[in-house]
Amino acid sequence: MADIRRLTALGMSPELATEAASQIDGAVSGNTAVAALTTIATADAIDPATTMALVNICKAKINTIITALQS
C-alpha cells in the first residue's frame, strides 16, 4: 500500500522509506476497517446546496476514518 518511490521523492532516504513502507503496510494489512476505506466519489461543490452536501459527506467519511483507525 505504501509507495517507496513516493516516500523517497518526498525526501526520505531509501532505507528509511523502505522501513516506513513496511510498517505502514503491516499496520494496514491487519486492519480490515482501514483496508476497506474508499475515496469520496461525490462531484465538486458548485453552489451552496452541493457545498453543504459535500461537507456532510466529508464529515461522515472523516468519522469513518477515525473509527477505522481506532479499531
C-alpha atoms as a PDB file:
ATOM      1  CA  MET A   1       0.000   0.000   0.000  1.00  0.00           C
ATOM      2  CA  ALA A   2       2.804   2.456   0.828  1.00  0.00           C
ATOM      3  CA  ASP A   3       4.868   3.521  -2.170  1.00  0.00           C
ATOM      4  CA  ILE A   4       8.616   3.609  -1.512  1.00  0.00           C
ATOM      5  CA  ARG A   5       9.222   5.715  -4.636  1.00  0.00           C
ATOM      6  CA  ARG A   6       6.824   8.406  -3.423  1.00  0.00           C
ATOM      7  CA  LEU A   7       8.381   8.427   0.031  1.00  0.00           C
ATOM      8  CA  THR A   8      11.875   8.883  -1.416  1.00  0.00           C
ATOM      9  CA  ALA A   9      10.570  11.614  -3.728  1.00  0.00           C
ATOM     10  CA  LEU A  10       9.375  13.404  -0.591  1.00  0.00           C
ATOM     11  CA  GLY A  11      12.940  13.368   0.714  1.00  0.00           C
ATOM     12  CA  MET A  12      13.212  10.147   2.717  1.00  0.00           C
ATOM     13  CA  SER A  13      16.350   8.103   2.358  1.00  0.00           C
ATOM     14  CA  PRO A  14      15.714   4.801   0.540  1.00  0.00           C
ATOM     15  CA  GLU A  15      16.440   2.825   3.714  1.00  0.00           C
ATOM     16  CA  LEU A  16      14.013   4.879   5.789  1.00  0.00           C
ATOM     17  CA  ALA A  17      11.383   4.799   3.024  1.00  0.00           C
ATOM     18  CA  THR A  18      11.636   1.012   2.861  1.00  0.00           C
ATOM     19  CA  GLU A  19      11.200   0.688   6.639  1.00  0.00           C
ATOM     20  CA  ALA A  20       8.329   3.200   6.744  1.00  0.00           C
ATOM     21  CA  ALA A  21       6.538   1.440   3.889  1.00  0.00           C
ATOM     22  CA  SER A  22       6.963  -1.896   5.634  1.00  0.00           C
ATOM     23  CA  GLN A  23       5.498  -0.553   8.873  1.00  0.00           C
ATOM     24  CA  ILE A  24       2.591   1.152   7.084  1.00  0.00           C
ATOM     25  CA  ASP A  25       1.772  -1.986   5.124  1.00  0.00           C
ATOM     26  CA  GLY A  26       1.977  -4.109   8.273  1.00  0.00           C
ATOM     27  CA  ALA A  27      -0.332  -1.795  10.197  1.00  0.00           C
ATOM     28  CA  VAL A  28      -2.894  -1.566   7.414  1.00  0.00           C
ATOM     29  CA  SER A  29      -2.912  -5.205   6.342  1.00  0.00           C
ATOM     30  CA  GLY A  30      -4.074  -6.341   9.770  1.00  0.00           C
ATOM     31  CA  ASN A  31      -6.898  -3.810   9.934  1.00  0.00           C
ATOM     32  CA  THR A  32      -9.769  -4.683   7.605  1.00  0.00           C
ATOM     33  CA  ALA A  33     -11.620  -1.474   8.523  1.00  0.00           C
ATOM     34  CA  VAL A  34      -8.706   0.631   7.233  1.00  0.00           C
ATOM     35  CA  ALA A  35      -8.267  -1.570   4.185  1.00  0.00           C
ATOM     36  CA  ALA A  36     -11.957  -1.131   3.333  1.00  0.00           C
ATOM     37  CA  LEU A  37     -11.811   2.692   3.268  1.00  0.00           C
ATOM     38  CA  THR A  38     -12.753   4.254  -0.052  1.00  0.00           C
ATOM     39  CA  THR A  39     -12.361   7.674  -1.616  1.00  0.00           C
ATOM     40  CA  ILE A  40     -15.086  10.317  -1.732  1.00  0.00           C
ATOM     41  CA  ALA A  41     -16.703   9.994  -5.153  1.00  0.00           C
ATOM     42  CA  THR A  42     -19.004  13.000  -4.902  1.00  0.00           C
ATOM     43  CA  ALA A  43     -18.705  15.710  -7.545  1.00  0.00           C
ATOM     44  CA  ASP A  44     -17.139  19.044  -6.609  1.00  0.00           C
ATOM     45  CA  ALA A  45     -19.388  21.612  -4.977  1.00  0.00           C
ATOM     46  CA  ILE A  46     -20.634  24.357  -7.292  1.00  0.00           C
ATOM     47  CA  ASP A  47     -23.331  26.107  -5.250  1.00  0.00           C
ATOM     48  CA  PRO A  48     -24.491  26.349  -1.618  1.00  0.00           C
ATOM     49  CA  ALA A  49     -26.612  23.199  -1.773  1.00  0.00           C
ATOM     50  CA  THR A  50     -23.888  20.985  -3.239  1.00  0.00           C
ATOM     51  CA  THR A  51     -21.345  22.563  -0.884  1.00  0.00           C
ATOM     52  CA  MET A  52     -23.458  21.550   2.122  1.00  0.00           C
ATOM     53  CA  ALA A  53     -23.914  18.048   0.729  1.00  0.00           C
ATOM     54  CA  LEU A  54     -20.163  17.668   0.165  1.00  0.00           C
ATOM     55  CA  VAL A  55     -19.386  18.931   3.667  1.00  0.00           C
ATOM     56  CA  ASN A  56     -21.778  16.364   5.148  1.00  0.00           C
ATOM     57  CA  ILE A  57     -20.206  13.589   3.088  1.00  0.00           C
ATOM     58  CA  CYS A  58     -16.714  14.683   4.180  1.00  0.00           C
ATOM     59  CA  LYS A  59     -17.826  14.716   7.826  1.00  0.00           C
ATOM     60  CA  ALA A  60     -19.193  11.189   7.522  1.00  0.00           C
ATOM     61  CA  LYS A  61     -16.004   9.996   5.798  1.00  0.00           C
ATOM     62  CA  ILE A  62     -13.807  11.565   8.483  1.00  0.00           C
ATOM     63  CA  ASN A  63     -15.836   9.816  11.189  1.00  0.00           C
ATOM     64  CA  THR A  64     -15.461   6.530   9.294  1.00  0.00           C
ATOM     65  CA  ILE A  65     -11.693   7.017   9.104  1.00  0.00           C
ATOM     66  CA  ILE A  66     -11.452   7.807  12.817  1.00  0.00           C
ATOM     67  CA  THR A  67     -13.486   4.700  13.669  1.00  0.00           C
ATOM     68  CA  ALA A  68     -11.329   2.542  11.379  1.00  0.00           C
ATOM     69  CA  LEU A  69      -8.126   3.835  12.936  1.00  0.00           C
ATOM     70  CA  GLN A  70      -9.437   3.151  16.438  1.00  0.00           C
ATOM     71  CA  SER A  71     -10.288  -0.480  15.684  1.00  0.00           C
END
